[in-house]
């Protein structure tokens, strides 16, 4: 480590080698001196110079990232010039936001299921310089479940497929701030099944509407932490959280659409701006308006203004706050027919936040002009 990749004079190299651990046999020292003079390094010496684990050096050699040769005794040796070139290349490779964030946003906007989303995100992040492996955890019932992993060793996946609430990573997810852990801290902070495969770890938590949603774990073989990198990776985690929320909302909406698609009760989905995003067949038949013209309209455009202010708007606000509510209303279609309906609103939540309102409207089949029956039904 003292040599530090600098071309020092031969006498200086001898002096450094002489000052190494005197307890080692002289023959071993001589071999090391000869290797340094010849410009070759062992995997251990290379690991010390590059500040990584020896297993990482072996893996780089096996993957062809770092040139090496095998000695007659079967040991790996690396030329000093190759180590210098590799170090210069690694230090110059820093991920930039313009290289992956636009692609990440583009993919997350198109993806409609969680597995494809996680696979796309990890593939993009693991293709960045310096990132060798990664995985995405999702919070389910206060436990982190490993949903997708790339290049993580099987023993790690087996040991940490489910992370309990007491684990350090879950606490980081709750805190909501990106954390960078150096290789030397793994023993103290994370009891991995095989720590030799790791170097540095980025833990990037994301939220799904004010709740701890999960985290992205990125393994870096040689990537120092910097505020800019944390900011970039945190942006990636934020994009992930928004995409997860959007997909979960879509899944819930599709389930409701399938339930109410062909029922006699009218059904519609209302977004946070109180605009209609879906209506079923019964709703279309009653309103006598094509679905294309109805979708995107505000509730105040469909219902009489007086009734909207008096009954509908308070119910919408109450439901958006997370409460289920019920009211009756008179609806007039394009033919001028007035009918009495009862409406029930259910909040569709992602985490603790209401994202949409499910409105189920039942036709009481009462003519508005029949005042007596209307009054009785309305009271009921």
Protein backbone atom coordinates (compact mmCIF):
# COMPACT_ATOMS: atom_id res chain seq x y z
CA UNK A 1 0.00 0.00 0.00
CA UNK A 2 2.94 2.34 0.62
CA UNK A 3 4.11 1.89 -2.97
CA UNK A 4 0.74 3.29 -4.05
CA UNK A 5 1.32 2.63 -7.75
CA UNK A 6 4.13 5.20 -8.00
CA UNK A 7 7.34 4.30 -9.93
CA UNK A 8 9.84 4.61 -7.08
CA UNK A 9 13.62 3.98 -7.27
CA UNK A 10 14.80 0.43 -6.74
CA UNK A 11 16.54 1.18 -3.42
CA UNK A 12 13.31 2.67 -2.07
CA UNK A 13 11.39 -0.47 -3.04
CA UNK A 14 14.01 -2.62 -1.26
CA UNK A 15 13.70 -0.46 1.85
CA UNK A 16 9.90 -0.78 1.90
CA UNK A 17 10.08 -4.53 1.37
CA UNK A 18 12.65 -4.83 4.17
CA UNK A 19 10.35 -2.96 6.54
CA UNK A 20 7.51 -5.39 5.93
CA UNK A 21 6.54 -7.97 8.52
CA UNK A 22 9.88 -9.37 9.82
CA UNK A 23 8.19 -12.47 11.18
CA UNK A 24 7.72 -13.83 7.66
CA UNK A 25 10.35 -16.19 6.27
CA UNK A 26 13.17 -14.56 4.34
CA UNK A 27 12.41 -16.65 1.28
CA UNK A 28 8.89 -15.23 1.07
CA UNK A 29 10.27 -11.69 1.30
CA UNK A 30 12.75 -12.39 -1.47
CA UNK A 31 9.95 -13.69 -3.71
CA UNK A 32 7.95 -10.52 -3.11
CA UNK A 33 10.97 -8.35 -3.84
CA UNK A 34 11.62 -10.24 -7.07
CA UNK A 35 7.98 -9.89 -8.11
CA UNK A 36 7.98 -6.14 -7.51
CA UNK A 37 11.28 -5.69 -9.37
CA UNK A 38 9.88 -7.75 -12.23
CA UNK A 39 6.77 -5.56 -12.22
CA UNK A 40 4.34 -8.31 -11.17
CA UNK A 41 1.98 -8.43 -8.21
CA UNK A 42 0.01 -11.15 -6.46
CA UNK A 43 -3.75 -10.89 -6.02
CA UNK A 44 -3.25 -9.92 -2.38
CA UNK A 45 -0.81 -7.11 -3.21
CA UNK A 46 -3.06 -5.89 -6.01
CA UNK A 47 -6.02 -5.91 -3.64
CA UNK A 48 -4.05 -3.80 -1.18
CA UNK A 49 -3.11 -1.28 -3.85
CA UNK A 50 -6.64 -1.00 -5.22
CA UNK A 51 -8.19 -1.15 -1.73
CA UNK A 52 -10.54 -4.03 -2.49
CA UNK A 53 -10.93 -7.60 -1.29
CA UNK A 54 -8.61 -10.27 -2.81
CA UNK A 55 -11.71 -12.22 -3.86
CA UNK A 56 -12.76 -9.19 -5.91
CA UNK A 57 -9.40 -9.21 -7.71
CA UNK A 58 -9.85 -12.91 -8.49
CA UNK A 59 -13.34 -12.24 -9.81
CA UNK A 60 -12.10 -9.38 -12.01
CA UNK A 61 -9.43 -11.68 -13.44
CA UNK A 62 -11.96 -14.45 -14.10
CA UNK A 63 -14.25 -12.00 -15.88
CA UNK A 64 -11.41 -10.62 -17.98
CA UNK A 65 -11.57 -7.13 -16.51
CA UNK A 66 -8.02 -7.30 -15.16
CA UNK A 67 -5.30 -9.01 -17.27
CA UNK A 68 -3.25 -11.64 -15.42
CA UNK A 69 -1.16 -14.76 -15.99
CA UNK A 70 -0.68 -18.03 -14.12
CA UNK A 71 2.73 -18.97 -12.72
CA UNK A 72 4.24 -22.46 -12.83
CA UNK A 73 3.01 -22.94 -9.27
CA UNK A 74 -0.58 -22.11 -10.29
CA UNK A 75 -0.72 -18.61 -8.77
CA UNK A 76 -2.23 -15.56 -10.42
CA UNK A 77 0.12 -12.69 -11.15
CA UNK A 78 -0.72 -9.23 -12.46
CA UNK A 79 1.63 -6.84 -14.24
CA UNK A 80 2.13 -3.50 -12.54
CA UNK A 81 1.36 -1.59 -15.74
CA UNK A 82 -2.00 -3.41 -16.03
CA UNK A 83 -2.81 -2.50 -12.43
CA UNK A 84 -1.99 1.15 -13.14
CA UNK A 85 -4.11 1.18 -16.29
CA UNK A 86 -7.00 -0.52 -14.52
CA UNK A 87 -6.81 1.91 -11.58
CA UNK A 88 -6.80 4.92 -13.90
CA UNK A 89 -9.77 3.53 -15.79
CA UNK A 90 -11.75 2.81 -12.63
CA UNK A 91 -11.07 6.20 -11.07
CA UNK A 92 -12.21 7.94 -14.25
CA UNK A 93 -15.47 6.00 -14.43
CA UNK A 94 -18.10 7.81 -12.43
CA UNK A 95 -21.80 7.41 -13.21
CA UNK A 96 -23.45 10.59 -14.45
CA UNK A 97 -27.16 11.36 -14.13
CA UNK A 98 -27.59 12.08 -17.83
CA UNK A 99 -26.40 8.56 -18.62
CA UNK A 100 -29.16 6.66 -16.84
CA UNK A 101 -31.89 8.84 -15.26
CA UNK A 102 -33.68 9.62 -18.58
CA UNK A 103 -33.70 5.91 -19.47
CA UNK A 104 -34.95 5.09 -15.99
CA UNK A 105 -37.84 7.55 -16.26
CA UNK A 106 -38.73 6.33 -19.75
CA UNK A 107 -38.86 2.68 -18.70
CA UNK A 108 -40.76 3.26 -15.45
CA UNK A 109 -43.45 5.25 -17.28
CA UNK A 110 -44.06 2.35 -19.66
CA UNK A 111 -43.90 -0.55 -17.21
CA UNK A 112 -47.16 -1.95 -15.86
CA UNK A 113 -46.04 -4.76 -13.53
CA UNK A 114 -43.64 -4.79 -10.59
CA UNK A 115 -41.39 -7.65 -11.69
CA UNK A 116 -40.63 -6.02 -15.05
CA UNK A 117 -40.12 -2.68 -13.31
CA UNK A 118 -37.59 -4.06 -10.82
CA UNK A 119 -35.77 -6.03 -13.49
CA UNK A 120 -35.43 -2.95 -15.71
CA UNK A 121 -34.24 -0.72 -12.86
CA UNK A 122 -31.57 -3.15 -11.64
CA UNK A 123 -30.35 -3.84 -15.18
CA UNK A 124 -29.89 -0.12 -15.80
CA UNK A 125 -28.16 0.54 -12.49
CA UNK A 126 -25.90 -2.52 -12.71
CA UNK A 127 -24.75 -1.42 -16.17
CA UNK A 128 -23.22 1.73 -14.65
CA UNK A 129 -19.44 1.85 -14.22
CA UNK A 130 -18.37 0.51 -10.85
CA UNK A 131 -21.68 -1.21 -10.00
CA UNK A 132 -21.37 -4.99 -10.06
CA UNK A 133 -24.56 -6.29 -8.42
CA UNK A 134 -27.85 -5.13 -6.97
CA UNK A 135 -31.27 -6.00 -5.68
CA UNK A 136 -34.59 -4.40 -4.81
CA UNK A 137 -36.42 -4.97 -1.54
CA UNK A 138 -40.12 -4.23 -1.09
CA UNK A 139 -41.73 -3.55 2.28
CA UNK A 140 -44.50 -6.05 3.02
CA UNK A 141 -46.01 -6.18 6.51
CA UNK A 142 -42.95 -4.51 8.07
CA UNK A 143 -40.51 -6.92 6.44
CA UNK A 144 -38.26 -6.30 3.46
CA UNK A 145 -38.73 -8.94 0.76
CA UNK A 146 -36.11 -9.34 -1.96
CA UNK A 147 -38.14 -8.95 -5.15
CA UNK A 148 -35.38 -8.99 -7.76
CA UNK A 149 -31.61 -9.48 -7.69
CA UNK A 150 -28.80 -9.44 -10.21
CA UNK A 151 -25.33 -10.94 -9.72
CA UNK A 152 -25.94 -11.44 -5.99
CA UNK A 153 -24.47 -14.74 -4.74
CA UNK A 154 -27.00 -17.52 -3.97
CA UNK A 155 -25.89 -17.76 -0.34
CA UNK A 156 -26.64 -14.07 0.17
CA UNK A 157 -30.08 -14.37 -1.44
CA UNK A 158 -30.84 -17.38 0.73
CA UNK A 159 -29.74 -15.64 3.93
CA UNK A 160 -31.35 -12.27 3.22
CA UNK A 161 -34.38 -12.99 1.07
CA UNK A 162 -36.52 -11.57 3.89
CA UNK A 163 -35.11 -8.83 6.13
CA UNK A 164 -36.86 -8.45 9.51
CA UNK A 165 -37.87 -5.18 11.11
CA UNK A 166 -34.90 -5.30 13.50
CA UNK A 167 -32.32 -5.37 10.69
CA UNK A 168 -30.18 -2.31 10.07
CA UNK A 169 -31.40 -2.02 6.48
CA UNK A 170 -35.02 -1.76 7.56
CA UNK A 171 -34.07 1.08 9.91
CA UNK A 172 -32.38 2.84 7.00
CA UNK A 173 -35.54 2.41 4.92
CA UNK A 174 -37.61 3.94 7.69
CA UNK A 175 -35.20 6.83 7.99
CA UNK A 176 -35.52 7.44 4.26
CA UNK A 177 -31.95 8.62 3.59
CA UNK A 178 -29.41 7.02 1.26
CA UNK A 179 -26.53 5.32 3.06
CA UNK A 180 -23.10 4.27 1.79
CA UNK A 181 -21.32 1.48 3.70
CA UNK A 182 -17.64 0.76 3.14
CA UNK A 183 -16.32 -2.77 2.91
CA UNK A 184 -14.58 -2.50 6.28
CA UNK A 185 -17.92 -1.78 7.98
CA UNK A 186 -19.66 -4.95 6.80
CA UNK A 187 -18.54 -7.06 9.75
CA UNK A 188 -19.80 -4.48 12.20
CA UNK A 189 -23.08 -3.55 10.53
CA UNK A 190 -24.23 -6.39 8.26
CA UNK A 191 -23.70 -10.07 8.97
CA UNK A 192 -23.48 -11.30 5.39
CA UNK A 193 -23.34 -14.94 4.46
CA UNK A 194 -20.18 -14.39 2.41
CA UNK A 195 -18.73 -10.94 2.86
CA UNK A 196 -15.79 -11.61 0.54
CA UNK A 197 -17.98 -10.96 -2.49
CA UNK A 198 -18.68 -7.37 -1.46
CA UNK A 199 -16.75 -4.15 -1.51
CA UNK A 200 -19.01 -1.14 -0.99
CA UNK A 201 -22.77 -1.02 -0.55
CA UNK A 202 -25.27 1.71 -1.42
CA UNK A 203 -28.62 1.39 0.39
CA UNK A 204 -31.17 3.61 -1.35
CA UNK A 205 -34.58 3.69 0.36
CA UNK A 206 -37.72 4.78 -1.45
CA UNK A 207 -41.19 5.61 -0.20
CA UNK A 208 -44.60 4.81 -1.59
CA UNK A 209 -46.77 7.74 -0.58
CA UNK A 210 -45.40 8.66 2.84
CA UNK A 211 -44.69 5.05 3.83
CA UNK A 212 -41.41 3.10 3.73
CA UNK A 213 -41.76 1.32 0.42
CA UNK A 214 -38.45 -0.53 0.24
CA UNK A 215 -34.89 0.01 -0.89
CA UNK A 216 -32.43 -0.54 -3.71
CA UNK A 217 -29.13 -2.21 -2.77
CA UNK A 218 -26.18 -1.60 -5.09
CA UNK A 219 -22.85 -3.37 -4.70
CA UNK A 220 -19.83 -1.40 -5.85
CA UNK A 221 -16.46 -3.09 -6.25
CA UNK A 222 -14.55 0.17 -6.51
CA UNK A 223 -16.74 3.24 -6.30
CA UNK A 224 -16.11 5.80 -3.55
CA UNK A 225 -19.04 7.66 -2.08
CA UNK A 226 -19.67 11.31 -2.88
CA UNK A 227 -22.62 13.65 -2.27
CA UNK A 228 -23.27 13.84 -6.01
CA UNK A 229 -23.44 10.06 -6.36
CA UNK A 230 -25.77 9.75 -3.39
CA UNK A 231 -27.98 12.42 -4.91
CA UNK A 232 -28.08 10.63 -8.27
CA UNK A 233 -28.85 7.26 -6.74
CA UNK A 234 -31.44 8.83 -4.42
CA UNK A 235 -33.14 10.28 -7.51
CA UNK A 236 -33.24 6.77 -8.99
CA UNK A 237 -34.81 5.46 -5.76
CA UNK A 238 -37.39 8.29 -5.81
CA UNK A 239 -38.34 7.42 -9.40
CA UNK A 240 -38.67 3.79 -8.33
CA UNK A 241 -40.99 4.69 -5.44
CA UNK A 242 -43.28 6.71 -7.70
CA UNK A 243 -43.39 3.91 -10.26
CA UNK A 244 -44.25 1.32 -7.59
CA UNK A 245 -47.09 3.53 -6.32
CA UNK A 246 -48.42 3.96 -9.84
CA UNK A 247 -48.35 0.22 -10.57
CA UNK A 248 -50.00 -0.72 -7.26
CA UNK A 249 -52.74 1.82 -7.93
CA UNK A 250 -53.26 0.43 -11.42
CA UNK A 251 -53.52 -3.11 -10.08
CA UNK A 252 -56.18 -2.12 -7.54
CA UNK A 253 -58.10 -0.16 -10.17
CA UNK A 254 -58.09 -3.10 -12.59
CA UNK A 255 -59.41 -5.43 -9.90
CA UNK A 256 -62.32 -3.06 -9.24
CA UNK A 257 -62.99 -2.60 -12.95
CA UNK A 258 -63.29 -6.36 -13.40
CA UNK A 259 -65.69 -6.62 -10.47
CA UNK A 260 -68.03 -3.83 -11.61
CA UNK A 261 -67.61 -4.14 -15.38
CA UNK A 262 -71.02 -5.69 -16.11
CA UNK A 263 -72.98 -5.09 -12.91
CA UNK A 264 -76.27 -3.20 -12.72
CA UNK A 265 -74.79 -0.74 -10.27
CA UNK A 266 -73.07 2.27 -11.72
CA UNK A 267 -69.38 2.44 -10.99
CA UNK A 268 -66.73 5.05 -11.61
CA UNK A 269 -63.21 5.87 -10.51
CA UNK A 270 -62.40 9.42 -9.45
CA UNK A 271 -58.86 10.78 -9.15
CA UNK A 272 -57.46 13.25 -6.63
CA UNK A 273 -58.58 16.19 -8.77
CA UNK A 274 -62.17 14.89 -8.63
CA UNK A 275 -62.18 13.96 -12.30
CA UNK A 276 -63.65 10.76 -13.70
CA UNK A 277 -61.05 8.28 -14.95
CA UNK A 278 -63.32 5.26 -15.59
CA UNK A 279 -67.03 4.43 -15.90
CA UNK A 280 -68.69 1.05 -16.40
CA UNK A 281 -71.46 0.01 -18.81
CA UNK A 282 -74.34 0.90 -16.46
CA UNK A 283 -72.96 4.40 -15.96
CA UNK A 284 -72.68 4.92 -19.73
CA UNK A 285 -76.24 3.72 -20.34
CA UNK A 286 -77.73 5.99 -17.70
CA UNK A 287 -75.81 9.10 -18.68
CA UNK A 288 -76.43 8.45 -22.40
CA UNK A 289 -72.99 9.94 -23.04
CA UNK A 290 -70.11 8.04 -24.70
CA UNK A 291 -67.32 7.05 -22.34
CA UNK A 292 -64.76 9.11 -24.29
CA UNK A 293 -66.70 12.29 -23.55
CA UNK A 294 -67.23 11.37 -19.89
CA UNK A 295 -63.63 10.41 -19.06
CA UNK A 296 -61.67 13.40 -17.83
CA UNK A 297 -64.72 15.41 -16.85
CA UNK A 298 -64.97 16.84 -13.37
CA UNK A 299 -67.74 15.64 -11.07
CA UNK A 300 -69.04 19.22 -10.93
CA UNK A 301 -69.62 19.06 -14.71
CA UNK A 302 -71.75 15.92 -14.47
CA UNK A 303 -73.90 16.74 -11.43
CA UNK A 304 -76.11 19.72 -10.72
CA UNK A 305 -74.02 22.49 -9.19
CA UNK A 306 -76.24 22.94 -6.14
CA UNK A 307 -76.17 19.24 -5.29
CA UNK A 308 -72.45 19.10 -5.96
CA UNK A 309 -71.70 21.82 -3.42
CA UNK A 310 -74.21 20.62 -0.84
CA UNK A 311 -73.60 16.87 -0.88
CA UNK A 312 -71.07 15.55 -3.34
CA UNK A 313 -68.09 17.80 -2.63
CA UNK A 314 -68.15 17.25 1.18
CA UNK A 315 -68.40 13.50 0.57
CA UNK A 316 -65.47 13.56 -1.86
CA UNK A 317 -63.31 15.49 0.59
CA UNK A 318 -64.23 13.15 3.42
CA UNK A 319 -63.41 10.11 1.30
CA UNK A 320 -60.13 11.64 0.15
CA UNK A 321 -59.25 12.01 3.83
CA UNK A 322 -59.58 8.24 4.11
CA UNK A 323 -63.18 7.69 5.27
CA UNK A 324 -65.91 5.71 3.58
CA UNK A 325 -69.04 7.81 3.02
CA UNK A 326 -72.60 7.53 1.72
CA UNK A 327 -75.22 9.96 0.40
CA UNK A 328 -78.28 10.10 -1.88
CA UNK A 329 -78.53 12.26 -4.96
CA UNK A 330 -80.83 13.17 -7.82
CA UNK A 331 -79.29 12.58 -11.23
CA UNK A 332 -80.64 14.03 -14.46
CA UNK A 333 -79.56 12.51 -17.76
CA UNK A 334 -79.44 14.14 -21.17
CA UNK A 335 -83.07 13.17 -21.84
CA UNK A 336 -84.20 15.27 -18.87
CA UNK A 337 -85.18 12.29 -16.71
CA UNK A 338 -84.50 12.64 -13.00
CA UNK A 339 -83.84 9.61 -10.85
CA UNK A 340 -82.91 9.08 -7.22
CA UNK A 341 -79.67 7.27 -6.49
CA UNK A 342 -77.64 6.42 -3.47
CA UNK A 343 -73.89 6.72 -3.81
CA UNK A 344 -71.16 5.15 -1.73
CA UNK A 345 -67.52 6.24 -1.87
CA UNK A 346 -64.59 4.01 -0.96
CA UNK A 347 -61.02 5.36 -0.70
CA UNK A 348 -58.38 3.49 -2.73
CA UNK A 349 -55.18 3.85 -0.74
CA UNK A 350 -51.55 3.26 -1.58
CA UNK A 351 -49.81 3.31 1.76
CA UNK A 352 -51.53 5.93 3.89
CA UNK A 353 -52.58 8.19 1.03
CA UNK A 354 -55.85 8.03 -0.90
CA UNK A 355 -55.02 7.98 -4.60
CA UNK A 356 -58.45 7.38 -6.10
CA UNK A 357 -62.08 7.13 -5.05
CA UNK A 358 -64.22 4.18 -5.99
CA UNK A 359 -67.82 5.39 -6.41
CA UNK A 360 -70.61 2.79 -6.43
CA UNK A 361 -73.97 4.31 -7.37
CA UNK A 362 -77.20 2.34 -7.03
CA UNK A 363 -80.33 3.22 -8.98
CA UNK A 364 -83.30 3.25 -6.62
CA UNK A 365 -85.62 3.30 -9.68
CA UNK A 366 -87.76 6.06 -8.27
CA UNK A 367 -89.19 8.84 -10.37
CA UNK A 368 -88.18 12.19 -8.98
CA UNK A 369 -91.68 13.57 -9.66
CA UNK A 370 -93.22 11.07 -7.23
CA UNK A 371 -92.56 13.27 -4.21
CA UNK A 372 -93.93 10.91 -1.59
CA UNK A 373 -91.88 7.89 -2.61
CA UNK A 374 -88.88 10.09 -3.26
CA UNK A 375 -89.02 11.55 0.25
CA UNK A 376 -89.33 8.10 1.82
CA UNK A 377 -86.43 6.71 -0.16
CA UNK A 378 -84.27 9.73 0.52
CA UNK A 379 -84.92 9.46 4.26
CA UNK A 380 -84.13 5.75 4.20
